[in-house]
Amino acid sequence: MRLLDKVAIITGGARGIGEATAKKFVKEGAKVVIADINEEDIERTVNEIKEMGGQVAGIYVDVTKMDSVNKMIEFTLEKFGKLDILVNNAGITMDSTLLKMTEDQWDKVIDVNLKGVYNCGQAAAKVMVDQGSGVILNASSVVGIYGNFGQTNYAATKWGVIGMTKTWAKELGRKGVRVNAVAPGFIATPMVKKMPEKVINMMKEKAPLQRLGEPEEIANAYAFLASDEASFVTGAVLEVTGGVVL
């Protein structure tokens, strides 16, 4: 078990990649806090993990609100006594081309995907620095590296996450905290599976491996970066994309 007795917070942990990551971490021996904005999904995922025999707790969090983020950190410390890993996974999309994008679409995506990552990273880092150890893992995207039609706001946030990752790695490394990012490609999350078959086929064709990735494949990347196997890895952006270049 690569994460035995580690304590992890996973934001957006009740669905999709976050849910898969929570389950992977539990299988690797971690104690997990599922932090999400959807309380029904929190309850479902927590119950499923408990059925697996995992140590888990769930809490509502709005990552855009620092008081909510601080409550998440306090809850984790009260429940499990420490914080070893933060997976900054919470994120949204509100797609539109540049000429049609509204101010609301821009603001909401920036608020969740960029400010939310900053809020959670800052709050977790304070605990980890005091401990002298910890790992912060940020969710970027292939879109943040190469851009994508109709995703000005999303691409800006995911590129910004890379910038924060590298900056935090430089600031926190001497204090015992590693910081890395994962950049998924097209992944078969419930949201993607609802898209028209034509769009899904287009996504598959863009990847040399000719398929969508599975949430569990992103979870595997997070598990590696969270573990001592990656003890000399910091400031990195791990692309898990099937080779796709947009």
Protein backbone atom coordinates (compact mmCIF):
# COMPACT_ATOMS: atom_id res chain seq x y z
CA MET A 1 0.00 0.00 0.00
CA ARG A 2 1.70 3.14 -1.25
CA LEU A 3 -0.35 5.60 0.83
CA LEU A 4 -0.71 3.66 4.06
CA ASP A 5 -2.07 5.90 6.87
CA LYS A 6 -1.76 9.05 4.74
CA VAL A 7 -4.61 11.57 5.05
CA ALA A 8 -5.90 13.09 1.82
CA ILE A 9 -8.45 15.74 0.90
CA ILE A 10 -9.90 15.43 -2.58
CA THR A 11 -11.95 18.40 -3.77
CA GLY A 12 -14.61 17.56 -6.31
CA GLY A 13 -14.15 14.12 -4.85
CA ALA A 14 -17.71 12.86 -5.17
CA ARG A 15 -17.83 12.36 -8.94
CA GLY A 16 -15.76 11.50 -11.99
CA ILE A 17 -11.99 11.72 -11.66
CA GLY A 18 -12.26 12.87 -8.04
CA GLU A 19 -14.34 9.85 -7.09
CA ALA A 20 -11.98 7.47 -8.88
CA THR A 21 -9.04 9.09 -7.11
CA ALA A 22 -10.69 8.78 -3.71
CA LYS A 23 -11.30 5.08 -4.27
CA LYS A 24 -7.76 4.52 -5.54
CA PHE A 25 -6.26 6.29 -2.53
CA VAL A 26 -8.34 4.19 -0.13
CA LYS A 27 -7.15 1.02 -1.86
CA GLU A 28 -3.60 2.29 -1.33
CA GLY A 29 -4.24 2.67 2.41
CA ALA A 30 -5.10 6.37 2.71
CA LYS A 31 -7.77 7.99 4.86
CA VAL A 32 -9.79 10.25 2.60
CA VAL A 33 -11.96 13.34 2.97
CA ILE A 34 -14.43 13.74 0.11
CA ALA A 35 -14.98 17.49 -0.31
CA ASP A 36 -17.60 18.52 -2.84
CA ILE A 37 -20.45 20.95 -3.45
CA ASN A 38 -22.97 18.21 -4.27
CA GLU A 39 -24.15 16.71 -0.98
CA GLU A 40 -26.08 13.82 -2.56
CA ASP A 41 -22.97 12.67 -4.41
CA ILE A 42 -20.87 13.07 -1.26
CA GLU A 43 -23.20 10.73 0.62
CA ARG A 44 -23.21 8.17 -2.20
CA THR A 45 -19.44 8.13 -2.63
CA VAL A 46 -18.74 8.03 1.11
CA ASN A 47 -21.11 5.07 1.50
CA GLU A 48 -19.49 3.21 -1.40
CA ILE A 49 -16.03 3.70 0.06
CA LYS A 50 -17.18 2.57 3.49
CA GLU A 51 -18.51 -0.59 1.85
CA MET A 52 -14.98 -1.11 0.48
CA GLY A 53 -13.73 -0.98 4.07
CA GLY A 54 -12.06 2.39 3.66
CA GLN A 55 -11.69 5.16 6.22
CA VAL A 56 -13.54 8.12 4.75
CA ALA A 57 -15.46 11.25 5.65
CA GLY A 58 -17.40 13.74 3.56
CA ILE A 59 -17.89 17.48 3.81
CA TYR A 60 -19.60 20.17 1.76
CA VAL A 61 -17.16 22.75 0.44
CA ASP A 62 -17.41 25.77 -1.81
CA VAL A 63 -13.81 26.21 -2.91
CA THR A 64 -14.46 29.81 -3.96
CA LYS A 65 -15.12 30.79 -0.31
CA MET A 66 -12.13 30.82 2.02
CA ASP A 67 -14.26 30.33 5.12
CA SER A 68 -15.68 27.15 3.58
CA VAL A 69 -12.19 25.96 2.68
CA ASN A 70 -10.94 26.63 6.20
CA LYS A 71 -13.82 24.59 7.61
CA MET A 72 -12.79 21.72 5.31
CA ILE A 73 -9.23 21.86 6.66
CA GLU A 74 -10.42 22.06 10.29
CA PHE A 75 -12.80 19.13 9.71
CA THR A 76 -9.97 17.02 8.32
CA LEU A 77 -7.64 17.76 11.21
CA GLU A 78 -10.35 17.03 13.76
CA LYS A 79 -11.29 13.78 12.02
CA PHE A 80 -7.88 12.37 11.16
CA GLY A 81 -5.32 14.52 13.00
CA LYS A 82 -3.18 15.60 10.04
CA LEU A 83 -3.17 16.41 6.32
CA ASP A 84 -0.66 14.71 4.04
CA ILE A 85 -2.18 15.15 0.58
CA LEU A 86 -4.43 17.69 -1.15
CA VAL A 87 -5.83 16.86 -4.58
CA ASN A 88 -7.13 20.13 -6.02
CA ASN A 89 -9.59 18.49 -8.38
CA ALA A 90 -12.74 20.67 -8.21
CA GLY A 91 -13.49 22.43 -11.49
CA ILE A 92 -16.20 23.48 -13.92
CA THR A 93 -16.62 24.31 -17.60
CA MET A 94 -18.80 26.99 -19.20
CA ASP A 95 -17.76 26.90 -22.84
CA SER A 96 -18.18 29.56 -25.51
CA THR A 97 -16.09 31.14 -28.23
CA LEU A 98 -14.27 34.37 -27.45
CA LEU A 99 -16.76 36.53 -29.37
CA LYS A 100 -19.76 35.00 -27.56
CA MET A 101 -18.41 34.40 -24.06
CA THR A 102 -20.23 36.32 -21.35
CA GLU A 103 -18.66 38.00 -18.36
CA ASP A 104 -20.54 35.57 -16.12
CA GLN A 105 -19.08 32.56 -17.95
CA TRP A 106 -15.59 33.99 -17.58
CA ASP A 107 -15.99 34.94 -13.92
CA LYS A 108 -17.50 31.66 -12.72
CA VAL A 109 -14.85 29.45 -14.33
CA ILE A 110 -12.02 31.68 -13.08
CA ASP A 111 -13.57 31.69 -9.61
CA VAL A 112 -13.79 27.90 -9.24
CA ASN A 113 -10.85 26.67 -11.32
CA LEU A 114 -8.26 29.28 -10.39
CA LYS A 115 -9.29 31.03 -7.19
CA GLY A 116 -10.57 27.73 -5.78
CA VAL A 117 -7.23 26.03 -6.38
CA TYR A 118 -5.44 28.99 -4.79
CA ASN A 119 -7.74 28.98 -1.74
CA CYS A 120 -7.33 25.27 -1.08
CA GLY A 121 -3.62 25.28 -1.82
CA GLN A 122 -2.92 28.14 0.56
CA ALA A 123 -4.99 26.64 3.38
CA ALA A 124 -3.43 23.19 2.99
CA ALA A 125 0.10 24.57 2.65
CA LYS A 126 -0.12 26.28 6.03
CA VAL A 127 -0.81 22.92 7.69
CA MET A 128 1.81 21.06 5.67
CA VAL A 129 4.55 23.61 6.35
CA ASP A 130 3.87 23.33 10.07
CA GLN A 131 4.15 19.53 9.76
CA GLY A 132 7.26 19.78 7.63
CA SER A 133 5.77 17.49 4.98
CA GLY A 134 2.96 17.19 2.46
CA VAL A 135 1.94 16.87 -1.17
CA ILE A 136 -0.28 19.20 -3.19
CA LEU A 137 -1.59 17.89 -6.51
CA ASN A 138 -3.37 20.27 -8.88
CA ALA A 139 -5.70 19.37 -11.73
CA SER A 140 -4.59 21.05 -14.92
CA SER A 141 -5.61 19.84 -18.39
CA VAL A 142 -4.27 19.20 -21.86
CA VAL A 143 -6.39 22.25 -22.72
CA GLY A 144 -4.24 24.35 -20.41
CA ILE A 145 -1.14 23.38 -22.41
CA TYR A 146 -2.41 23.51 -25.98
CA GLY A 147 -5.64 25.54 -25.79
CA ASN A 148 -8.98 24.44 -27.22
CA PHE A 149 -11.66 25.95 -29.40
CA GLY A 150 -14.45 27.49 -27.30
CA GLN A 151 -12.60 27.26 -23.98
CA THR A 152 -10.87 30.60 -23.43
CA ASN A 153 -11.89 30.65 -19.77
CA TYR A 154 -11.09 26.99 -19.04
CA ALA A 155 -7.74 27.09 -20.86
CA ALA A 156 -6.74 30.24 -18.98
CA THR A 157 -7.46 28.61 -15.63
CA LYS A 158 -5.68 25.37 -16.43
CA TRP A 159 -2.61 27.22 -17.69
CA GLY A 160 -2.78 29.35 -14.55
CA VAL A 161 -2.82 26.19 -12.43
CA ILE A 162 0.47 25.15 -14.03
CA GLY A 163 1.95 28.52 -13.13
CA MET A 164 0.80 28.17 -9.52
CA THR A 165 2.12 24.60 -9.36
CA LYS A 166 5.62 25.59 -10.43
CA THR A 167 5.65 28.64 -8.16
CA TRP A 168 4.47 26.68 -5.12
CA ALA A 169 7.04 23.97 -5.83
CA LYS A 170 9.78 26.60 -5.64
CA GLU A 171 8.37 28.22 -2.50
CA LEU A 172 7.45 25.11 -0.54
CA GLY A 173 10.11 22.56 -1.48
CA ARG A 174 12.56 23.71 1.18
CA LYS A 175 9.76 23.32 3.72
CA GLY A 176 9.17 19.65 2.87
CA VAL A 177 6.15 20.07 0.59
CA ARG A 178 6.03 18.74 -2.97
CA VAL A 179 3.67 20.27 -5.56
CA ASN A 180 2.80 18.75 -8.93
CA ALA A 181 0.05 18.91 -11.54
CA VAL A 182 -1.72 16.32 -13.67
CA ALA A 183 -2.95 17.31 -17.13
CA PRO A 184 -5.64 14.87 -18.31
CA GLY A 185 -6.73 14.56 -21.91
CA PHE A 186 -10.21 13.47 -22.94
CA ILE A 187 -11.51 11.29 -20.11
CA ALA A 188 -14.68 9.15 -20.04
CA THR A 189 -16.33 10.92 -17.12
CA PRO A 190 -20.12 10.86 -16.73
CA MET A 191 -20.25 14.37 -18.23
CA VAL A 192 -18.30 13.35 -21.33
CA LYS A 193 -20.32 10.16 -21.80
CA LYS A 194 -23.47 12.30 -22.19
CA MET A 195 -21.99 14.10 -25.20
CA PRO A 196 -23.14 13.22 -28.76
CA GLU A 197 -21.48 10.13 -30.19
CA LYS A 198 -20.01 12.24 -33.01
CA VAL A 199 -18.16 14.42 -30.50
CA ILE A 200 -16.91 11.41 -28.52
CA ASN A 201 -15.61 9.79 -31.71
CA MET A 202 -13.80 13.01 -32.60
CA MET A 203 -12.11 12.97 -29.20
CA LYS A 204 -11.01 9.37 -29.72
CA GLU A 205 -9.60 10.13 -33.17
CA LYS A 206 -7.42 12.95 -31.80
CA ALA A 207 -5.51 10.55 -29.55
CA PRO A 208 -2.88 8.18 -30.98
CA LEU A 209 -4.23 5.52 -28.61
CA GLN A 210 -7.62 5.98 -30.32
CA ARG A 211 -9.73 5.98 -27.17
CA LEU A 212 -10.84 8.07 -24.22
CA GLY A 213 -8.99 7.76 -20.97
CA GLU A 214 -10.67 6.28 -17.92
CA PRO A 215 -10.99 8.19 -14.62
CA GLU A 216 -9.02 5.40 -12.95
CA GLU A 217 -6.05 6.15 -15.23
CA ILE A 218 -5.90 9.71 -13.91
CA ALA A 219 -6.31 8.37 -10.37
CA ASN A 220 -3.27 6.15 -10.95
CA ALA A 221 -1.22 9.22 -11.84
CA TYR A 222 -2.33 11.04 -8.70
CA ALA A 223 -1.53 7.98 -6.58
CA PHE A 224 2.01 7.83 -7.97
CA LEU A 225 2.65 11.55 -7.42
CA ALA A 226 1.21 11.37 -3.90
CA SER A 227 3.41 8.44 -2.95
CA ASP A 228 7.04 8.20 -1.85
CA GLU A 229 7.79 6.71 -5.26
CA ALA A 230 7.66 10.32 -6.49
CA SER A 231 9.74 11.69 -3.60
CA PHE A 232 12.07 13.59 -5.98
CA VAL A 233 9.30 14.87 -8.25
CA THR A 234 8.10 18.43 -7.73
CA GLY A 235 7.07 21.25 -10.05
CA ALA A 236 6.14 18.70 -12.72
CA VAL A 237 3.13 18.56 -15.04
CA LEU A 238 2.28 14.96 -15.86
CA GLU A 239 0.29 14.66 -19.09
CA VAL A 240 -2.10 11.70 -19.11
CA THR A 241 -3.64 12.21 -22.51
CA GLY A 242 -3.23 9.14 -24.71
CA GLY A 243 -0.85 11.33 -26.71
CA VAL A 244 -3.47 13.85 -27.79
CA VAL A 245 -2.33 17.22 -29.10
CA LEU A 246 -5.24 19.60 -29.69
